[in-house]
Amino acid sequence: MQCPRINIAYAGMVCTVCTSILASVQSLWVSAFLDGKLRRLPKTEGETMNEVMPHTQFRRPSDERSWFEEP
């Protein structure tokens, strides 16, 4: 699936010991996305939220609550 209208992407800034490795991975992902070579893209906004939210929310390892449940 080509993305004809999308021709620019902004990768988030990461500052870690392995910043150069993460920048390389980000650039490969952006390139594959713009070339339409990703095998699985979310079809709905709900799928996108279910994929992104667990990786962007802080949770203690002992916390048994759902990712989307308010404290």
PDB file of N, CA and C in Angstrom:
ATOM      1  N   MET A   1       0.842  -1.174   0.000  1.00  0.00           N
ATOM      2  CA  MET A   1       0.000   0.000   0.000  1.00  0.00           C
ATOM      3  C   MET A   1       0.888   1.239   0.000  1.00  0.00           C
ATOM      4  N   GLN A   2       0.958   1.961  -1.073  1.00  0.00           N
ATOM      5  CA  GLN A   2       1.730   3.194  -1.179  1.00  0.00           C
ATOM      6  C   GLN A   2       1.010   4.329  -0.454  1.00  0.00           C
ATOM      7  N   CYS A   3       1.754   5.252   0.047  1.00  0.00           N
ATOM      8  CA  CYS A   3       1.202   6.436   0.694  1.00  0.00           C
ATOM      9  C   CYS A   3       1.550   7.637  -0.184  1.00  0.00           C
ATOM     10  N   PRO A   4       0.780   7.899  -1.241  1.00  0.00           N
ATOM     11  CA  PRO A   4       1.169   8.937  -2.188  1.00  0.00           C
ATOM     12  C   PRO A   4       1.155  10.358  -1.621  1.00  0.00           C
ATOM     13  N   ARG A   5       0.322  10.639  -0.640  1.00  0.00           N
ATOM     14  CA  ARG A   5       0.215  12.005  -0.128  1.00  0.00           C
ATOM     15  C   ARG A   5       1.179  12.283   1.016  1.00  0.00           C
ATOM     16  N   ILE A   6       1.712  11.232   1.622  1.00  0.00           N
ATOM     17  CA  ILE A   6       2.612  11.410   2.753  1.00  0.00           C
ATOM     18  C   ILE A   6       4.044  11.415   2.223  1.00  0.00           C
ATOM     19  N   ASN A   7       4.757  12.514   2.466  1.00  0.00           N
ATOM     20  CA  ASN A   7       6.122  12.576   1.971  1.00  0.00           C
ATOM     21  C   ASN A   7       7.101  13.140   3.000  1.00  0.00           C
ATOM     22  N   ILE A   8       6.646  13.286   4.250  1.00  0.00           N
ATOM     23  CA  ILE A   8       7.538  13.752   5.309  1.00  0.00           C
ATOM     24  C   ILE A   8       7.097  13.108   6.617  1.00  0.00           C
ATOM     25  N   ALA A   9       8.049  12.797   7.465  1.00  0.00           N
ATOM     26  CA  ALA A   9       7.745  12.205   8.762  1.00  0.00           C
ATOM     27  C   ALA A   9       8.706  12.769   9.790  1.00  0.00           C
ATOM     28  N   TYR A  10       8.234  12.928  11.006  1.00  0.00           N
ATOM     29  CA  TYR A  10       9.055  13.426  12.097  1.00  0.00           C
ATOM     30  C   TYR A  10       9.197  12.320  13.136  1.00  0.00           C
ATOM     31  N   ALA A  11      10.405  11.894  13.369  1.00  0.00           N
ATOM     32  CA  ALA A  11      10.672  10.878  14.387  1.00  0.00           C
ATOM     33  C   ALA A  11      10.922  11.574  15.713  1.00  0.00           C
ATOM     34  N   GLY A  12      10.468  10.965  16.783  1.00  0.00           N
ATOM     35  CA  GLY A  12      10.671  11.544  18.103  1.00  0.00           C
ATOM     36  C   GLY A  12      12.132  11.561  18.500  1.00  0.00           C
ATOM     37  N   MET A  13      12.502  12.519  19.310  1.00  0.00           N
ATOM     38  CA  MET A  13      13.889  12.628  19.768  1.00  0.00           C
ATOM     39  C   MET A  13      14.109  11.725  20.969  1.00  0.00           C
ATOM     40  N   VAL A  14      15.188  10.971  20.929  1.00  0.00           N
ATOM     41  CA  VAL A  14      15.535  10.068  22.015  1.00  0.00           C
ATOM     42  C   VAL A  14      16.964  10.364  22.450  1.00  0.00           C
ATOM     43  N   CYS A  15      17.181  10.506  23.742  1.00  0.00           N
ATOM     44  CA  CYS A  15      18.531  10.740  24.265  1.00  0.00           C
ATOM     45  C   CYS A  15      18.896   9.598  25.210  1.00  0.00           C
ATOM     46  N   THR A  16      19.654   8.652  24.715  1.00  0.00           N
ATOM     47  CA  THR A  16      20.116   7.529  25.527  1.00  0.00           C
ATOM     48  C   THR A  16      21.560   7.225  25.145  1.00  0.00           C
ATOM     49  N   VAL A  17      22.108   6.205  25.761  1.00  0.00           N
ATOM     50  CA  VAL A  17      23.457   5.772  25.428  1.00  0.00           C
ATOM     51  C   VAL A  17      23.515   5.276  23.981  1.00  0.00           C
ATOM     52  N   CYS A  18      22.417   4.700  23.515  1.00  0.00           N
ATOM     53  CA  CYS A  18      22.396   4.131  22.160  1.00  0.00           C
ATOM     54  C   CYS A  18      21.544   4.984  21.214  1.00  0.00           C
ATOM     55  N   THR A  19      21.663   6.294  21.308  1.00  0.00           N
ATOM     56  CA  THR A  19      20.887   7.201  20.464  1.00  0.00           C
ATOM     57  C   THR A  19      21.124   6.950  18.984  1.00  0.00           C
ATOM     58  N   SER A  20      22.357   6.690  18.587  1.00  0.00           N
ATOM     59  CA  SER A  20      22.641   6.479  17.163  1.00  0.00           C
ATOM     60  C   SER A  20      21.959   5.219  16.635  1.00  0.00           C
ATOM     61  N   ILE A  21      21.889   4.171  17.449  1.00  0.00           N
ATOM     62  CA  ILE A  21      21.210   2.939  17.028  1.00  0.00           C
ATOM     63  C   ILE A  21      19.714   3.202  16.880  1.00  0.00           C
ATOM     64  N   LEU A  22      19.124   3.884  17.857  1.00  0.00           N
ATOM     65  CA  LEU A  22      17.692   4.184  17.784  1.00  0.00           C
ATOM     66  C   LEU A  22      17.373   5.088  16.598  1.00  0.00           C
ATOM     67  N   ALA A  23      18.240   6.041  16.306  1.00  0.00           N
ATOM     68  CA  ALA A  23      18.027   6.914  15.154  1.00  0.00           C
ATOM     69  C   ALA A  23      18.065   6.103  13.856  1.00  0.00           C
ATOM     70  N   SER A  24      18.944   5.122  13.784  1.00  0.00           N
ATOM     71  CA  SER A  24      19.011   4.262  12.596  1.00  0.00           C
ATOM     72  C   SER A  24      17.740   3.449  12.435  1.00  0.00           C
ATOM     73  N   VAL A  25      17.244   2.887  13.523  1.00  0.00           N
ATOM     74  CA  VAL A  25      16.008   2.094  13.470  1.00  0.00           C
ATOM     75  C   VAL A  25      14.832   2.986  13.081  1.00  0.00           C
ATOM     76  N   GLN A  26      14.757   4.185  13.672  1.00  0.00           N
ATOM     77  CA  GLN A  26      13.684   5.116  13.316  1.00  0.00           C
ATOM     78  C   GLN A  26      13.735   5.464  11.839  1.00  0.00           C
ATOM     79  N   SER A  27      14.913   5.717  11.321  1.00  0.00           N
ATOM     80  CA  SER A  27      15.013   6.092   9.903  1.00  0.00           C
ATOM     81  C   SER A  27      14.610   4.941   8.992  1.00  0.00           C
ATOM     82  N   LEU A  28      14.953   3.708   9.375  1.00  0.00           N
ATOM     83  CA  LEU A  28      14.533   2.551   8.577  1.00  0.00           C
ATOM     84  C   LEU A  28      13.016   2.387   8.593  1.00  0.00           C
ATOM     85  N   TRP A  29      12.402   2.587   9.774  1.00  0.00           N
ATOM     86  CA  TRP A  29      10.948   2.455   9.873  1.00  0.00           C
ATOM     87  C   TRP A  29      10.258   3.536   9.051  1.00  0.00           C
ATOM     88  N   VAL A  30      10.709   4.785   9.167  1.00  0.00           N
ATOM     89  CA  VAL A  30      10.103   5.885   8.410  1.00  0.00           C
ATOM     90  C   VAL A  30      10.233   5.637   6.912  1.00  0.00           C
ATOM     91  N   SER A  31      11.393   5.174   6.484  1.00  0.00           N
ATOM     92  CA  SER A  31      11.605   4.881   5.066  1.00  0.00           C
ATOM     93  C   SER A  31      10.650   3.790   4.582  1.00  0.00           C
ATOM     94  N   ALA A  32      10.515   2.721   5.365  1.00  0.00           N
ATOM     95  CA  ALA A  32       9.591   1.640   4.993  1.00  0.00           C
ATOM     96  C   ALA A  32       8.154   2.141   4.979  1.00  0.00           C
ATOM     97  N   PHE A  33       7.786   2.988   5.945  1.00  0.00           N
ATOM     98  CA  PHE A  33       6.428   3.532   5.996  1.00  0.00           C
ATOM     99  C   PHE A  33       6.129   4.368   4.760  1.00  0.00           C
ATOM    100  N   LEU A  34       7.047   5.268   4.415  1.00  0.00           N
ATOM    101  CA  LEU A  34       6.823   6.141   3.265  1.00  0.00           C
ATOM    102  C   LEU A  34       6.837   5.369   1.942  1.00  0.00           C
ATOM    103  N   ASP A  35       7.565   4.260   1.895  1.00  0.00           N
ATOM    104  CA  ASP A  35       7.603   3.431   0.687  1.00  0.00           C
ATOM    105  C   ASP A  35       6.443   2.446   0.618  1.00  0.00           C
ATOM    106  N   GLY A  36       5.615   2.387   1.679  1.00  0.00           N
ATOM    107  CA  GLY A  36       4.477   1.471   1.703  1.00  0.00           C
ATOM    108  C   GLY A  36       4.886   0.024   1.870  1.00  0.00           C
ATOM    109  N   LYS A  37       6.005  -0.220   2.545  1.00  0.00           N
ATOM    110  CA  LYS A  37       6.521  -1.586   2.686  1.00  0.00           C
ATOM    111  C   LYS A  37       6.220  -2.216   4.046  1.00  0.00           C
ATOM    112  N   LEU A  38       5.497  -1.532   4.898  1.00  0.00           N
ATOM    113  CA  LEU A  38       5.143  -2.122   6.184  1.00  0.00           C
ATOM    114  C   LEU A  38       4.046  -3.150   5.969  1.00  0.00           C
ATOM    115  N   ARG A  39       4.180  -4.289   6.602  1.00  0.00           N
ATOM    116  CA  ARG A  39       3.205  -5.374   6.392  1.00  0.00           C
ATOM    117  C   ARG A  39       1.908  -5.157   7.149  1.00  0.00           C
ATOM    118  N   ARG A  40       1.988  -4.556   8.309  1.00  0.00           N
ATOM    119  CA  ARG A  40       0.782  -4.408   9.116  1.00  0.00           C
ATOM    120  C   ARG A  40       0.637  -2.976   9.597  1.00  0.00           C
ATOM    121  N   LEU A  41      -0.339  -2.294   9.074  1.00  0.00           N
ATOM    122  CA  LEU A  41      -0.687  -0.957   9.545  1.00  0.00           C
ATOM    123  C   LEU A  41      -2.050  -1.038  10.219  1.00  0.00           C
ATOM    124  N   PRO A  42      -2.281  -0.290  11.289  1.00  0.00           N
ATOM    125  CA  PRO A  42      -3.593  -0.320  11.940  1.00  0.00           C
ATOM    126  C   PRO A  42      -4.678   0.181  10.987  1.00  0.00           C
ATOM    127  N   LYS A  43      -5.827  -0.493  11.039  1.00  0.00           N
ATOM    128  CA  LYS A  43      -6.932  -0.139  10.146  1.00  0.00           C
ATOM    129  C   LYS A  43      -7.872   0.897  10.762  1.00  0.00           C
ATOM    130  N   THR A  44      -7.903   0.950  12.088  1.00  0.00           N
ATOM    131  CA  THR A  44      -8.806   1.878  12.764  1.00  0.00           C
ATOM    132  C   THR A  44      -8.046   2.680  13.811  1.00  0.00           C
ATOM    133  N   GLU A  45      -8.661   3.749  14.282  1.00  0.00           N
ATOM    134  CA  GLU A  45      -8.057   4.553  15.338  1.00  0.00           C
ATOM    135  C   GLU A  45      -7.963   3.744  16.628  1.00  0.00           C
ATOM    136  N   GLY A  46      -8.937   2.865  16.856  1.00  0.00           N
ATOM    137  CA  GLY A  46      -8.916   2.009  18.049  1.00  0.00           C
ATOM    138  C   GLY A  46      -7.721   1.077  18.054  1.00  0.00           C
ATOM    139  N   GLU A  47      -7.397   0.484  16.911  1.00  0.00           N
ATOM    140  CA  GLU A  47      -6.224  -0.379  16.813  1.00  0.00           C
ATOM    141  C   GLU A  47      -4.948   0.413  17.100  1.00  0.00           C
ATOM    142  N   THR A  48      -4.897   1.633  16.607  1.00  0.00           N
ATOM    143  CA  THR A  48      -3.731   2.485  16.848  1.00  0.00           C
ATOM    144  C   THR A  48      -3.588   2.761  18.338  1.00  0.00           C
ATOM    145  N   MET A  49      -4.685   3.113  19.004  1.00  0.00           N
ATOM    146  CA  MET A  49      -4.646   3.409  20.437  1.00  0.00           C
ATOM    147  C   MET A  49      -4.240   2.172  21.240  1.00  0.00           C
ATOM    148  N   ASN A  50      -4.763   0.997  20.879  1.00  0.00           N
ATOM    149  CA  ASN A  50      -4.420  -0.228  21.594  1.00  0.00           C
ATOM    150  C   ASN A  50      -2.950  -0.578  21.430  1.00  0.00           C
ATOM    151  N   GLU A  51      -2.343  -0.205  20.337  1.00  0.00           N
ATOM    152  CA  GLU A  51      -0.924  -0.469  20.113  1.00  0.00           C
ATOM    153  C   GLU A  51      -0.045   0.559  20.818  1.00  0.00           C
ATOM    154  N   VAL A  52      -0.446   1.813  20.819  1.00  0.00           N
ATOM    155  CA  VAL A  52       0.406   2.890  21.323  1.00  0.00           C
ATOM    156  C   VAL A  52       0.301   3.081  22.835  1.00  0.00           C
ATOM    157  N   MET A  53      -0.891   3.026  23.384  1.00  0.00           N
ATOM    158  CA  MET A  53      -1.102   3.380  24.795  1.00  0.00           C
ATOM    159  C   MET A  53      -0.255   2.572  25.783  1.00  0.00           C
ATOM    160  N   PRO A  54      -0.141   1.257  25.676  1.00  0.00           N
ATOM    161  CA  PRO A  54       0.674   0.534  26.662  1.00  0.00           C
ATOM    162  C   PRO A  54       2.140   0.954  26.661  1.00  0.00           C
ATOM    163  N   HIS A  55       2.632   1.477  25.543  1.00  0.00           N
ATOM    164  CA  HIS A  55       4.038   1.846  25.446  1.00  0.00           C
ATOM    165  C   HIS A  55       4.290   3.305  25.830  1.00  0.00           C
ATOM    166  N   THR A  56       3.234   4.053  26.094  1.00  0.00           N
ATOM    167  CA  THR A  56       3.405   5.468  26.421  1.00  0.00           C
ATOM    168  C   THR A  56       2.934   5.816  27.823  1.00  0.00           C
ATOM    169  N   GLN A  57       2.439   4.853  28.574  1.00  0.00           N
ATOM    170  CA  GLN A  57       1.910   5.104  29.905  1.00  0.00           C
ATOM    171  C   GLN A  57       2.827   4.493  30.959  1.00  0.00           C
ATOM    172  N   PHE A  58       3.014   5.206  32.061  1.00  0.00           N
ATOM    173  CA  PHE A  58       3.814   4.690  33.170  1.00  0.00           C
ATOM    174  C   PHE A  58       2.949   3.772  34.017  1.00  0.00           C
ATOM    175  N   ARG A  59       3.517   2.643  34.405  1.00  0.00           N
ATOM    176  CA  ARG A  59       2.805   1.723  35.287  1.00  0.00           C
ATOM    177  C   ARG A  59       3.831   0.977  36.124  1.00  0.00           C
ATOM    178  N   ARG A  60       3.586   0.863  37.396  1.00  0.00           N
ATOM    179  CA  ARG A  60       4.472   0.084  38.253  1.00  0.00           C
ATOM    180  C   ARG A  60       4.320  -1.385  37.904  1.00  0.00           C
ATOM    181  N   PRO A  61       5.401  -2.162  37.958  1.00  0.00           N
ATOM    182  CA  PRO A  61       5.311  -3.589  37.625  1.00  0.00           C
ATOM    183  C   PRO A  61       4.319  -4.354  38.493  1.00  0.00           C
ATOM    184  N   SER A  62       4.115  -3.920  39.739  1.00  0.00           N
ATOM    185  CA  SER A  62       3.189  -4.627  40.625  1.00  0.00           C
ATOM    186  C   SER A  62       1.744  -4.172  40.457  1.00  0.00           C
ATOM    187  N   ASP A  63       1.511  -3.179  39.615  1.00  0.00           N
ATOM    188  CA  ASP A  63       0.169  -2.629  39.421  1.00  0.00           C
ATOM    189  C   ASP A  63      -0.658  -3.579  38.564  1.00  0.00           C
ATOM    190  N   GLU A  64      -1.762  -4.078  39.090  1.00  0.00           N
ATOM    191  CA  GLU A  64      -2.586  -5.056  38.383  1.00  0.00           C
ATOM    192  C   GLU A  64      -3.723  -4.429  37.592  1.00  0.00           C
ATOM    193  N   ARG A  65      -3.849  -3.117  37.629  1.00  0.00           N
ATOM    194  CA  ARG A  65      -4.947  -2.461  36.924  1.00  0.00           C
ATOM    195  C   ARG A  65      -4.736  -2.498  35.418  1.00  0.00           C
ATOM    196  N   SER A  66      -5.805  -2.297  34.708  1.00  0.00           N
ATOM    197  CA  SER A  66      -5.744  -2.227  33.254  1.00  0.00           C
ATOM    198  C   SER A  66      -4.951  -0.999  32.819  1.00  0.00           C
ATOM    199  N   TRP A  67      -4.362  -1.064  31.634  1.00  0.00           N
ATOM    200  CA  TRP A  67      -3.603   0.066  31.084  1.00  0.00           C
ATOM    201  C   TRP A  67      -4.479   1.303  30.936  1.00  0.00           C
ATOM    202  N   PHE A  68      -5.746   1.122  30.584  1.00  0.00           N
ATOM    203  CA  PHE A  68      -6.611   2.250  30.265  1.00  0.00           C
ATOM    204  C   PHE A  68      -7.462   2.701  31.445  1.00  0.00           C
ATOM    205  N   GLU A  69      -7.367   2.024  32.557  1.00  0.00           N
ATOM    206  CA  GLU A  69      -8.162   2.341  33.728  1.00  0.00           C
ATOM    207  C   GLU A  69      -7.558   3.539  34.465  1.00  0.00           C
ATOM    208  N   GLU A  70      -8.380   4.479  34.840  1.00  0.00           N
ATOM    209  CA  GLU A  70      -7.913   5.641  35.585  1.00  0.00           C
ATOM    210  C   GLU A  70      -7.592   5.215  37.011  1.00  0.00           C
ATOM    211  N   PRO A  71      -6.557   5.815  37.626  1.00  0.00           N
ATOM    212  CA  PRO A  71      -6.190   5.450  39.022  1.00  0.00           C
ATOM    213  C   PRO A  71      -7.251   5.839  40.016  1.00  0.00           C
TER     214      PRO A  71
END
